[in-house]
Amino acid sequence: MQQSRNVKDIKLNKLDKKITITFDNNKIYHYPAEYLRVYSPSAEVRGHSNQPPKLIYGRKHIGIMNIELVGNYAIKISFDDMHDSGIYSWELLYDLGENFDKYWDMYLKRLKQENKLRNP
């Protein structure tokens, strides 16, 4: 069973379009806005019940307008494409950080398979 993680620090860099999160084990992850948007935990992206996740594309230049704490366990991110549903728990963010290379590669392969682009 994975140990529950807590966040020590969150920094939003609007210019670089990324969030940097420091966890309680001092691991630091940098999350590009595009990555967070395409892996949003929202029902719109993840699908409802047995539906496969929706492929989000054309978001290479997406930015983050705001980050809002949700209790002491998650954040809600408002993107400049007006997507703001989905709660990013600390566990999800840790997983997205720890597995960035694998998940990003999966995303790029899926884009290619479905003949979609990162650019709008």
C-alpha atoms as a PDB file:
ATOM      1  CA  MET A   1       0.000   0.000   0.000  1.00  0.00           C
ATOM      2  CA  GLN A   2       1.334   3.433  -0.977  1.00  0.00           C
ATOM      3  CA  GLN A   3       2.043   5.816   1.860  1.00  0.00           C
ATOM      4  CA  SER A   4      -0.207   8.855   1.946  1.00  0.00           C
ATOM      5  CA  ARG A   5       1.644  11.968   0.799  1.00  0.00           C
ATOM      6  CA  ASN A   6       1.261  15.526   1.918  1.00  0.00           C
ATOM      7  CA  VAL A   7       2.338  18.658   0.115  1.00  0.00           C
ATOM      8  CA  LYS A   8       4.793  21.086   1.681  1.00  0.00           C
ATOM      9  CA  ASP A   9       4.779  23.741  -1.024  1.00  0.00           C
ATOM     10  CA  ILE A  10       3.011  24.639  -4.277  1.00  0.00           C
ATOM     11  CA  LYS A  11       4.290  27.268  -6.691  1.00  0.00           C
ATOM     12  CA  LEU A  12       2.509  28.424  -9.820  1.00  0.00           C
ATOM     13  CA  ASN A  13       4.701  29.913 -12.525  1.00  0.00           C
ATOM     14  CA  LYS A  14       2.224  31.456 -14.966  1.00  0.00           C
ATOM     15  CA  LEU A  15       4.969  32.582 -17.343  1.00  0.00           C
ATOM     16  CA  ASP A  16       6.456  29.082 -17.687  1.00  0.00           C
ATOM     17  CA  LYS A  17       2.955  27.555 -17.516  1.00  0.00           C
ATOM     18  CA  LYS A  18       3.857  25.052 -14.842  1.00  0.00           C
ATOM     19  CA  ILE A  19       3.274  24.138 -11.227  1.00  0.00           C
ATOM     20  CA  THR A  20       6.083  23.022  -8.923  1.00  0.00           C
ATOM     21  CA  ILE A  21       5.101  20.903  -5.927  1.00  0.00           C
ATOM     22  CA  THR A  22       7.304  19.853  -3.019  1.00  0.00           C
ATOM     23  CA  PHE A  23       6.053  16.817  -1.107  1.00  0.00           C
ATOM     24  CA  ASP A  24       6.653  15.909   2.531  1.00  0.00           C
ATOM     25  CA  ASN A  25       9.419  13.464   1.521  1.00  0.00           C
ATOM     26  CA  ASN A  26      11.194  16.448  -0.158  1.00  0.00           C
ATOM     27  CA  LYS A  27      10.566  15.149  -3.683  1.00  0.00           C
ATOM     28  CA  ILE A  28       9.967  18.048  -6.053  1.00  0.00           C
ATOM     29  CA  TYR A  29       7.996  17.692  -9.267  1.00  0.00           C
ATOM     30  CA  HIS A  30       7.415  20.179 -12.077  1.00  0.00           C
ATOM     31  CA  TYR A  31       4.090  19.809 -13.871  1.00  0.00           C
ATOM     32  CA  PRO A  32       3.568  21.523 -17.233  1.00  0.00           C
ATOM     33  CA  ALA A  33       0.034  22.899 -17.598  1.00  0.00           C
ATOM     34  CA  GLU A  34      -0.534  20.814 -20.717  1.00  0.00           C
ATOM     35  CA  TYR A  35       0.324  17.615 -18.820  1.00  0.00           C
ATOM     36  CA  LEU A  36      -2.044  18.449 -15.977  1.00  0.00           C
ATOM     37  CA  ARG A  37      -4.809  19.348 -18.424  1.00  0.00           C
ATOM     38  CA  VAL A  38      -4.594  16.156 -20.463  1.00  0.00           C
ATOM     39  CA  TYR A  39      -4.468  14.044 -17.282  1.00  0.00           C
ATOM     40  CA  SER A  40      -7.261  15.935 -15.517  1.00  0.00           C
ATOM     41  CA  PRO A  41      -9.144  13.753 -13.043  1.00  0.00           C
ATOM     42  CA  SER A  42     -12.445  15.272 -14.217  1.00  0.00           C
ATOM     43  CA  ALA A  43     -15.262  13.083 -15.536  1.00  0.00           C
ATOM     44  CA  GLU A  44     -14.964  14.960 -18.849  1.00  0.00           C
ATOM     45  CA  VAL A  45     -11.465  13.535 -19.338  1.00  0.00           C
ATOM     46  CA  ARG A  46     -11.543  10.289 -17.356  1.00  0.00           C
ATOM     47  CA  GLY A  47     -14.956   9.275 -18.664  1.00  0.00           C
ATOM     48  CA  HIS A  48     -18.009   8.108 -16.820  1.00  0.00           C
ATOM     49  CA  SER A  49     -17.959   4.555 -15.391  1.00  0.00           C
ATOM     50  CA  ASN A  50     -16.741   2.203 -18.142  1.00  0.00           C
ATOM     51  CA  GLN A  51     -15.910   4.795 -20.779  1.00  0.00           C
ATOM     52  CA  PRO A  52     -12.261   5.090 -21.837  1.00  0.00           C
ATOM     53  CA  PRO A  53     -10.494   8.369 -21.016  1.00  0.00           C
ATOM     54  CA  LYS A  54     -11.085  11.123 -23.557  1.00  0.00           C
ATOM     55  CA  LEU A  55      -8.040  12.224 -25.528  1.00  0.00           C
ATOM     56  CA  ILE A  56      -7.421  15.917 -24.907  1.00  0.00           C
ATOM     57  CA  TYR A  57      -5.339  17.475 -27.682  1.00  0.00           C
ATOM     58  CA  GLY A  58      -4.380  20.890 -29.020  1.00  0.00           C
ATOM     59  CA  ARG A  59      -3.389  22.169 -25.589  1.00  0.00           C
ATOM     60  CA  LYS A  60       0.344  22.751 -26.070  1.00  0.00           C
ATOM     61  CA  HIS A  61       0.081  26.433 -25.115  1.00  0.00           C
ATOM     62  CA  ILE A  62      -2.508  26.141 -22.338  1.00  0.00           C
ATOM     63  CA  GLY A  63      -1.970  28.171 -19.201  1.00  0.00           C
ATOM     64  CA  ILE A  64      -3.121  28.012 -15.625  1.00  0.00           C
ATOM     65  CA  MET A  65      -5.175  30.920 -14.326  1.00  0.00           C
ATOM     66  CA  ASN A  66      -5.594  29.832 -10.724  1.00  0.00           C
ATOM     67  CA  ILE A  67      -4.953  27.098  -8.159  1.00  0.00           C
ATOM     68  CA  GLU A  68      -7.356  26.639  -5.288  1.00  0.00           C
ATOM     69  CA  LEU A  69      -6.769  24.440  -2.239  1.00  0.00           C
ATOM     70  CA  VAL A  70      -9.447  21.829  -1.600  1.00  0.00           C
ATOM     71  CA  GLY A  71      -9.285  21.037   2.096  1.00  0.00           C
ATOM     72  CA  ASN A  72      -5.861  19.732   3.015  1.00  0.00           C
ATOM     73  CA  TYR A  73      -5.802  16.913   0.473  1.00  0.00           C
ATOM     74  CA  ALA A  74      -6.057  18.384  -3.048  1.00  0.00           C
ATOM     75  CA  ILE A  75      -6.099  21.340  -5.422  1.00  0.00           C
ATOM     76  CA  LYS A  76      -8.496  22.525  -8.089  1.00  0.00           C
ATOM     77  CA  ILE A  77      -6.844  24.030 -11.175  1.00  0.00           C
ATOM     78  CA  SER A  78      -8.468  26.603 -13.458  1.00  0.00           C
ATOM     79  CA  PHE A  79      -7.006  26.464 -16.959  1.00  0.00           C
ATOM     80  CA  ASP A  80      -7.271  29.239 -19.531  1.00  0.00           C
ATOM     81  CA  ASP A  81      -9.435  27.038 -21.777  1.00  0.00           C
ATOM     82  CA  MET A  82     -12.046  27.405 -18.997  1.00  0.00           C
ATOM     83  CA  HIS A  83     -11.636  23.802 -17.798  1.00  0.00           C
ATOM     84  CA  ASP A  84     -11.809  23.819 -14.023  1.00  0.00           C
ATOM     85  CA  SER A  85     -13.490  20.597 -12.995  1.00  0.00           C
ATOM     86  CA  GLY A  86     -11.514  17.821 -11.431  1.00  0.00           C
ATOM     87  CA  ILE A  87      -9.844  17.622  -8.056  1.00  0.00           C
ATOM     88  CA  TYR A  88      -6.134  16.796  -8.091  1.00  0.00           C
ATOM     89  CA  SER A  89      -5.472  14.884  -4.857  1.00  0.00           C
ATOM     90  CA  TRP A  90      -1.986  14.778  -3.376  1.00  0.00           C
ATOM     91  CA  GLU A  91      -1.844  11.056  -4.247  1.00  0.00           C
ATOM     92  CA  LEU A  92      -2.744  11.741  -7.882  1.00  0.00           C
ATOM     93  CA  LEU A  93      -0.212  14.573  -8.147  1.00  0.00           C
ATOM     94  CA  TYR A  94       2.491  12.404  -6.597  1.00  0.00           C
ATOM     95  CA  ASP A  95       1.704   9.628  -9.094  1.00  0.00           C
ATOM     96  CA  LEU A  96       1.718  12.104 -12.007  1.00  0.00           C
ATOM     97  CA  GLY A  97       5.092  13.418 -10.846  1.00  0.00           C
ATOM     98  CA  GLU A  98       6.658  10.044 -10.157  1.00  0.00           C
ATOM     99  CA  ASN A  99       5.511   8.625 -13.513  1.00  0.00           C
ATOM    100  CA  PHE A 100       5.811  11.725 -15.690  1.00  0.00           C
ATOM    101  CA  ASP A 101       8.020  10.165 -18.379  1.00  0.00           C
ATOM    102  CA  LYS A 102       5.839   7.070 -18.728  1.00  0.00           C
ATOM    103  CA  TYR A 103       2.533   8.987 -18.803  1.00  0.00           C
ATOM    104  CA  TRP A 104       3.851  11.660 -21.177  1.00  0.00           C
ATOM    105  CA  ASP A 105       5.120   8.973 -23.549  1.00  0.00           C
ATOM    106  CA  MET A 106       1.714   7.237 -23.423  1.00  0.00           C
ATOM    107  CA  TYR A 107       0.033  10.540 -24.261  1.00  0.00           C
ATOM    108  CA  LEU A 108       2.328  11.244 -27.215  1.00  0.00           C
ATOM    109  CA  LYS A 109       1.813   7.717 -28.568  1.00  0.00           C
ATOM    110  CA  ARG A 110      -1.966   8.061 -28.268  1.00  0.00           C
ATOM    111  CA  LEU A 111      -1.864  11.408 -30.106  1.00  0.00           C
ATOM    112  CA  LYS A 112       0.043   9.743 -32.934  1.00  0.00           C
ATOM    113  CA  GLN A 113      -2.317   6.742 -33.043  1.00  0.00           C
ATOM    114  CA  GLU A 114      -5.355   8.999 -33.274  1.00  0.00           C
ATOM    115  CA  ASN A 115      -3.689  11.432 -35.691  1.00  0.00           C
ATOM    116  CA  LYS A 116      -4.032  14.408 -33.320  1.00  0.00           C
ATOM    117  CA  LEU A 117      -1.621  17.239 -32.504  1.00  0.00           C
ATOM    118  CA  ARG A 118      -0.451  19.017 -29.374  1.00  0.00           C
ATOM    119  CA  ASN A 119      -0.724  22.352 -31.198  1.00  0.00           C
ATOM    120  CA  PRO A 120      -4.173  23.943 -31.430  1.00  0.00           C
END
